[in-house]
C-alpha atoms as a PDB file:
ATOM      1  CA  MET A   1     -48.934-259.153   4.609  1.00  0.00           C
ATOM      2  CA  LYS A   2     -51.000-256.502   6.331  1.00  0.00           C
ATOM      3  CA  ILE A   3     -52.545-253.470   4.664  1.00  0.00           C
ATOM      4  CA  GLN A   4     -50.172-251.286   6.712  1.00  0.00           C
ATOM      5  CA  ASP A   5     -47.265-253.071   5.013  1.00  0.00           C
ATOM      6  CA  ARG A   6     -48.735-252.578   1.550  1.00  0.00           C
ATOM      7  CA  LEU A   7     -49.216-248.877   2.184  1.00  0.00           C
ATOM      8  CA  LYS A   8     -45.448-248.491   2.599  1.00  0.00           C
ATOM      9  CA  ALA A   9     -44.933-248.958  -1.154  1.00  0.00           C
ATOM     10  CA  GLY A  10     -44.814-245.179  -1.561  1.00  0.00           C
ATOM     11  CA  SER A  11     -41.762-245.025   0.712  1.00  0.00           C
ATOM     12  CA  VAL A  12     -39.688-247.931  -0.564  1.00  0.00           C
ATOM     13  CA  LYS A  13     -36.906-246.653  -2.818  1.00  0.00           C
ATOM     14  CA  ARG A  14     -35.715-248.402  -5.950  1.00  0.00           C
ATOM     15  CA  TRP A  15     -32.396-248.153  -7.780  1.00  0.00           C
ATOM     16  CA  ASN A  16     -30.352-248.068  -4.586  1.00  0.00           C
ATOM     17  CA  ILE A  17     -27.020-248.907  -6.277  1.00  0.00           C
ATOM     18  CA  VAL A  18     -27.512-246.941  -9.511  1.00  0.00           C
ATOM     19  CA  GLU A  19     -27.258-243.170  -9.585  1.00  0.00           C
ATOM     20  CA  THR A  20     -30.373-241.503 -10.976  1.00  0.00           C
ATOM     21  CA  THR A  21     -31.624-237.960 -11.380  1.00  0.00           C
ATOM     22  CA  ARG A  22     -34.469-238.709  -8.981  1.00  0.00           C
ATOM     23  CA  GLN A  23     -35.713-241.415  -6.666  1.00  0.00           C
ATOM     24  CA  GLN A  24     -38.327-243.831  -7.843  1.00  0.00           C
ATOM     25  CA  THR A  25     -40.606-245.517  -5.331  1.00  0.00           C
ATOM     26  CA  LEU A  26     -41.943-249.027  -5.434  1.00  0.00           C
ATOM     27  CA  ALA A  27     -45.491-247.644  -5.743  1.00  0.00           C
ATOM     28  CA  GLU A  28     -44.532-245.559  -8.787  1.00  0.00           C
ATOM     29  CA  HIS A  29     -42.814-248.558 -10.364  1.00  0.00           C
ATOM     30  CA  MET A  30     -45.778-250.890  -9.841  1.00  0.00           C
ATOM     31  CA  PHE A  31     -48.180-248.285 -11.219  1.00  0.00           C
ATOM     32  CA  ASN A  32     -45.993-247.768 -14.298  1.00  0.00           C
ATOM     33  CA  VAL A  33     -45.723-251.517 -14.828  1.00  0.00           C
ATOM     34  CA  ALA A  34     -49.516-251.781 -14.598  1.00  0.00           C
ATOM     35  CA  MET A  35     -49.954-249.084 -17.241  1.00  0.00           C
ATOM     36  CA  ILE A  36     -47.487-250.766 -19.611  1.00  0.00           C
ATOM     37  CA  ALA A  37     -48.850-254.266 -18.959  1.00  0.00           C
ATOM     38  CA  GLY A  38     -52.372-253.014 -19.625  1.00  0.00           C
ATOM     39  CA  GLU A  39     -51.298-251.659 -23.001  1.00  0.00           C
ATOM     40  CA  ILE A  40     -49.666-254.971 -23.881  1.00  0.00           C
ATOM     41  CA  ALA A  41     -52.728-256.930 -22.723  1.00  0.00           C
ATOM     42  CA  LYS A  42     -55.035-254.813 -24.892  1.00  0.00           C
ATOM     43  CA  LEU A  43     -53.117-256.152 -27.907  1.00  0.00           C
ATOM     44  CA  CYS A  44     -53.431-259.789 -26.773  1.00  0.00           C
ATOM     45  CA  PRO A  45     -57.058-260.735 -27.490  1.00  0.00           C
ATOM     46  CA  THR A  46     -57.338-263.710 -25.128  1.00  0.00           C
ATOM     47  CA  VAL A  47     -55.875-261.985 -22.067  1.00  0.00           C
ATOM     48  CA  PRO A  48     -58.180-260.452 -19.411  1.00  0.00           C
ATOM     49  CA  VAL A  49     -56.882-256.868 -19.188  1.00  0.00           C
ATOM     50  CA  HIS A  50     -58.283-256.176 -15.708  1.00  0.00           C
ATOM     51  CA  THR A  51     -56.551-259.265 -14.314  1.00  0.00           C
ATOM     52  CA  VAL A  52     -53.276-258.023 -15.802  1.00  0.00           C
ATOM     53  CA  TYR A  53     -53.774-254.645 -14.114  1.00  0.00           C
ATOM     54  CA  ALA A  54     -54.603-256.342 -10.796  1.00  0.00           C
ATOM     55  CA  TRP A  55     -51.457-258.484 -10.859  1.00  0.00           C
ATOM     56  CA  ALA A  56     -49.156-255.729 -12.141  1.00  0.00           C
ATOM     57  CA  ILE A  57     -50.153-253.205  -9.473  1.00  0.00           C
ATOM     58  CA  GLN A  58     -48.983-255.611  -6.770  1.00  0.00           C
ATOM     59  CA  HIS A  59     -46.327-257.762  -8.461  1.00  0.00           C
ATOM     60  CA  ASP A  60     -43.414-256.536  -6.280  1.00  0.00           C
ATOM     61  CA  LEU A  61     -45.220-256.102  -2.956  1.00  0.00           C
ATOM     62  CA  GLU A  62     -42.697-258.269  -1.099  1.00  0.00           C
ATOM     63  CA  GLU A  63     -40.306-255.339  -1.499  1.00  0.00           C
ATOM     64  CA  VAL A  64     -42.192-253.352   1.153  1.00  0.00           C
ATOM     65  CA  ILE A  65     -40.657-255.840   3.607  1.00  0.00           C
ATOM     66  CA  LEU A  66     -37.431-256.829   1.816  1.00  0.00           C
ATOM     67  CA  GLY A  67     -36.585-253.625  -0.033  1.00  0.00           C
ATOM     68  CA  ASP A  68     -35.479-253.547  -3.659  1.00  0.00           C
ATOM     69  CA  ILE A  69     -32.772-256.202  -3.798  1.00  0.00           C
ATOM     70  CA  PRO A  70     -30.310-255.259  -6.555  1.00  0.00           C
ATOM     71  CA  THR A  71     -29.788-257.781  -9.349  1.00  0.00           C
ATOM     72  CA  PRO A  72     -26.076-258.302  -8.522  1.00  0.00           C
ATOM     73  CA  THR A  73     -27.056-259.086  -4.922  1.00  0.00           C
ATOM     74  CA  LYS A  74     -29.632-261.630  -6.098  1.00  0.00           C
ATOM     75  CA  ALA A  75     -27.003-263.244  -8.338  1.00  0.00           C
ATOM     76  CA  LYS A  76     -24.519-263.451  -5.444  1.00  0.00           C
ATOM     77  CA  MET A  77     -27.189-264.925  -3.165  1.00  0.00           C
ATOM     78  CA  LEU A  78     -27.939-267.647  -5.718  1.00  0.00           C
ATOM     79  CA  GLU A  79     -24.210-268.283  -6.226  1.00  0.00           C
ATOM     80  CA  LEU A  80     -23.881-268.865  -2.476  1.00  0.00           C
ATOM     81  CA  GLY A  81     -26.816-271.282  -2.479  1.00  0.00           C
ATOM     82  CA  PHE A  82     -29.457-268.971  -1.058  1.00  0.00           C
ATOM     83  CA  ASP A  83     -32.632-268.748  -3.118  1.00  0.00           C
ATOM     84  CA  TYR A  84     -33.952-265.249  -2.450  1.00  0.00           C
ATOM     85  CA  LYS A  85     -37.243-266.291  -4.073  1.00  0.00           C
ATOM     86  CA  LYS A  86     -37.945-268.463  -1.026  1.00  0.00           C
ATOM     87  CA  LEU A  87     -37.519-265.395   1.162  1.00  0.00           C
ATOM     88  CA  SER A  88     -39.888-263.482  -1.098  1.00  0.00           C
ATOM     89  CA  ASP A  89     -42.435-266.299  -0.905  1.00  0.00           C
ATOM     90  CA  ALA A  90     -42.151-266.365   2.902  1.00  0.00           C
ATOM     91  CA  VAL A  91     -42.944-262.645   3.107  1.00  0.00           C
ATOM     92  CA  TRP A  92     -45.940-262.613   0.801  1.00  0.00           C
ATOM     93  CA  ASP A  93     -48.214-265.391  -0.347  1.00  0.00           C
ATOM     94  CA  LYS A  94     -48.546-264.299  -3.956  1.00  0.00           C
ATOM     95  CA  PRO A  95     -51.797-265.117  -5.685  1.00  0.00           C
ATOM     96  CA  ASN A  96     -51.812-267.883  -8.263  1.00  0.00           C
ATOM     97  CA  VAL A  97     -51.789-266.055 -11.592  1.00  0.00           C
ATOM     98  CA  ASP A  98     -51.965-267.557 -15.059  1.00  0.00           C
ATOM     99  CA  SER A  99     -48.561-267.846 -16.746  1.00  0.00           C
ATOM    100  CA  SER A 100     -49.617-265.653 -19.691  1.00  0.00           C
ATOM    101  CA  ILE A 101     -50.444-262.837 -17.259  1.00  0.00           C
ATOM    102  CA  ARG A 102     -47.141-263.328 -15.422  1.00  0.00           C
ATOM    103  CA  LYS A 103     -45.269-263.148 -18.739  1.00  0.00           C
ATOM    104  CA  ILE A 104     -46.992-259.908 -19.727  1.00  0.00           C
ATOM    105  CA  VAL A 105     -46.261-258.325 -16.351  1.00  0.00           C
ATOM    106  CA  LYS A 106     -42.628-259.512 -16.439  1.00  0.00           C
ATOM    107  CA  MET A 107     -42.221-258.029 -19.915  1.00  0.00           C
ATOM    108  CA  ALA A 108     -43.787-254.771 -18.720  1.00  0.00           C
ATOM    109  CA  ASP A 109     -41.526-254.835 -15.646  1.00  0.00           C
ATOM    110  CA  ARG A 110     -38.440-255.038 -17.858  1.00  0.00           C
ATOM    111  CA  MET A 111     -39.748-252.290 -20.127  1.00  0.00           C
ATOM    112  CA  GLU A 112     -40.488-249.981 -17.201  1.00  0.00           C
ATOM    113  CA  ALA A 113     -37.039-250.477 -15.690  1.00  0.00           C
ATOM    114  CA  LEU A 114     -35.354-249.875 -19.043  1.00  0.00           C
ATOM    115  CA  TRP A 115     -37.470-246.768 -19.630  1.00  0.00           C
ATOM    116  CA  PHE A 116     -36.711-245.394 -16.151  1.00  0.00           C
ATOM    117  CA  ILE A 117     -32.957-245.885 -16.401  1.00  0.00           C
ATOM    118  CA  GLN A 118     -32.915-244.350 -19.893  1.00  0.00           C
ATOM    119  CA  GLU A 119     -34.798-241.322 -18.616  1.00  0.00           C
ATOM    120  CA  HIS A 120     -33.109-240.894 -15.239  1.00  0.00           C
ATOM    121  CA  GLY A 121     -29.824-242.821 -15.138  1.00  0.00           C
ATOM    122  CA  ILE A 122     -26.611-240.865 -14.486  1.00  0.00           C
ATOM    123  CA  GLY A 123     -23.064-241.867 -15.289  1.00  0.00           C
ATOM    124  CA  ARG A 124     -21.153-244.790 -16.667  1.00  0.00           C
ATOM    125  CA  HIS A 125     -22.591-247.358 -14.253  1.00  0.00           C
ATOM    126  CA  ALA A 126     -26.143-246.385 -15.229  1.00  0.00           C
ATOM    127  CA  GLN A 127     -25.156-246.729 -18.901  1.00  0.00           C
ATOM    128  CA  LEU A 128     -23.811-250.232 -18.254  1.00  0.00           C
ATOM    129  CA  VAL A 129     -26.987-251.150 -16.385  1.00  0.00           C
ATOM    130  CA  GLU A 130     -29.090-249.782 -19.247  1.00  0.00           C
ATOM    131  CA  LYS A 131     -27.090-251.795 -21.781  1.00  0.00           C
ATOM    132  CA  ARG A 132     -27.558-255.007 -19.790  1.00  0.00           C
ATOM    133  CA  MET A 133     -31.263-254.281 -19.306  1.00  0.00           C
ATOM    134  CA  ARG A 134     -31.708-253.731 -23.044  1.00  0.00           C
ATOM    135  CA  GLU A 135     -29.987-257.088 -23.691  1.00  0.00           C
ATOM    136  CA  THR A 136     -32.228-258.822 -21.140  1.00  0.00           C
ATOM    137  CA  PHE A 137     -35.320-257.212 -22.653  1.00  0.00           C
ATOM    138  CA  ASN A 138     -34.312-258.308 -26.174  1.00  0.00           C
ATOM    139  CA  GLU A 139     -33.521-261.825 -24.929  1.00  0.00           C
ATOM    140  CA  SER A 140     -36.955-262.057 -23.334  1.00  0.00           C
ATOM    141  CA  LEU A 141     -38.601-260.818 -26.541  1.00  0.00           C
ATOM    142  CA  ASN A 142     -36.780-263.412 -28.612  1.00  0.00           C
ATOM    143  CA  GLY A 143     -36.916-266.263 -26.104  1.00  0.00           C
ATOM    144  CA  GLN A 144     -38.591-269.558 -26.842  1.00  0.00           C
ATOM    145  CA  GLN A 145     -41.082-268.951 -24.022  1.00  0.00           C
ATOM    146  CA  THR A 146     -42.373-265.750 -25.632  1.00  0.00           C
ATOM    147  CA  HIS A 147     -45.467-266.270 -27.758  1.00  0.00           C
ATOM    148  CA  SER A 148     -45.477-264.375 -31.071  1.00  0.00           C
ATOM    149  CA  THR A 149     -48.572-262.371 -30.055  1.00  0.00           C
ATOM    150  CA  LEU A 150     -46.903-261.221 -26.825  1.00  0.00           C
ATOM    151  CA  LYS A 151     -43.698-260.393 -28.693  1.00  0.00           C
ATOM    152  CA  ALA A 152     -45.536-258.290 -31.265  1.00  0.00           C
ATOM    153  CA  ALA A 153     -47.594-256.532 -28.585  1.00  0.00           C
ATOM    154  CA  ALA A 154     -44.535-255.793 -26.443  1.00  0.00           C
ATOM    155  CA  GLU A 155     -42.588-254.482 -29.437  1.00  0.00           C
ATOM    156  CA  GLU A 156     -45.499-252.223 -30.394  1.00  0.00           C
ATOM    157  CA  VAL A 157     -45.895-250.849 -26.874  1.00  0.00           C
ATOM    158  CA  TRP A 158     -42.135-250.329 -26.488  1.00  0.00           C
ATOM    159  CA  ALA A 159     -42.018-248.448 -29.803  1.00  0.00           C
ATOM    160  CA  SER A 160     -44.893-246.272 -28.579  1.00  0.00           C
ATOM    161  CA  ILE A 161     -43.076-245.549 -25.315  1.00  0.00           C
ATOM    162  CA  VAL A 162     -39.912-244.611 -27.183  1.00  0.00           C
ATOM    163  CA  ARG A 163     -41.894-242.357 -29.540  1.00  0.00           C
ATOM    164  CA  GLY A 164     -43.952-240.994 -26.632  1.00  0.00           C
ATOM    165  CA  ASP A 165     -47.288-241.558 -28.309  1.00  0.00           C
ATOM    166  CA  ILE A 166     -49.254-243.868 -26.002  1.00  0.00           C
ATOM    167  CA  GLU A 167     -52.651-242.450 -25.158  1.00  0.00           C
ATOM    168  CA  ILE A 168     -54.077-243.620 -21.870  1.00  0.00           C
END
């Protein structure tokens, strides 16, 4: 992926099938995820915070080529036997990142999406999406793959976001 492609992140729109009060760009999303992931990483003593920031700020870069593929579209693709992840991998050779860093960024990604739809979602469809996102977030918090330190850190950061008291 060329630098010219990466610079398009400020133009790629998210939430293309959910009505929102304003458009969010891919660049804004990745920045927000990086900020949240950094806060989580600060509470996980063995995790290199700067590596978390570096991964988070680029975690969805394939979307500058593919666009933001809605979750129902991804599900339908998989149902039809097409693994969209292979397409993603063909577009961008993602760096090899430690699984603990990937988990933190994925948790932050879910938190950012839930926060955005809570703040900017409009209508019944947005409410249904928010409900499903909250369920997915809670499932990921309580999943067997989630280490207790990550769970506690994510819960603390989410509570801070909800209260609005994170200092950066």
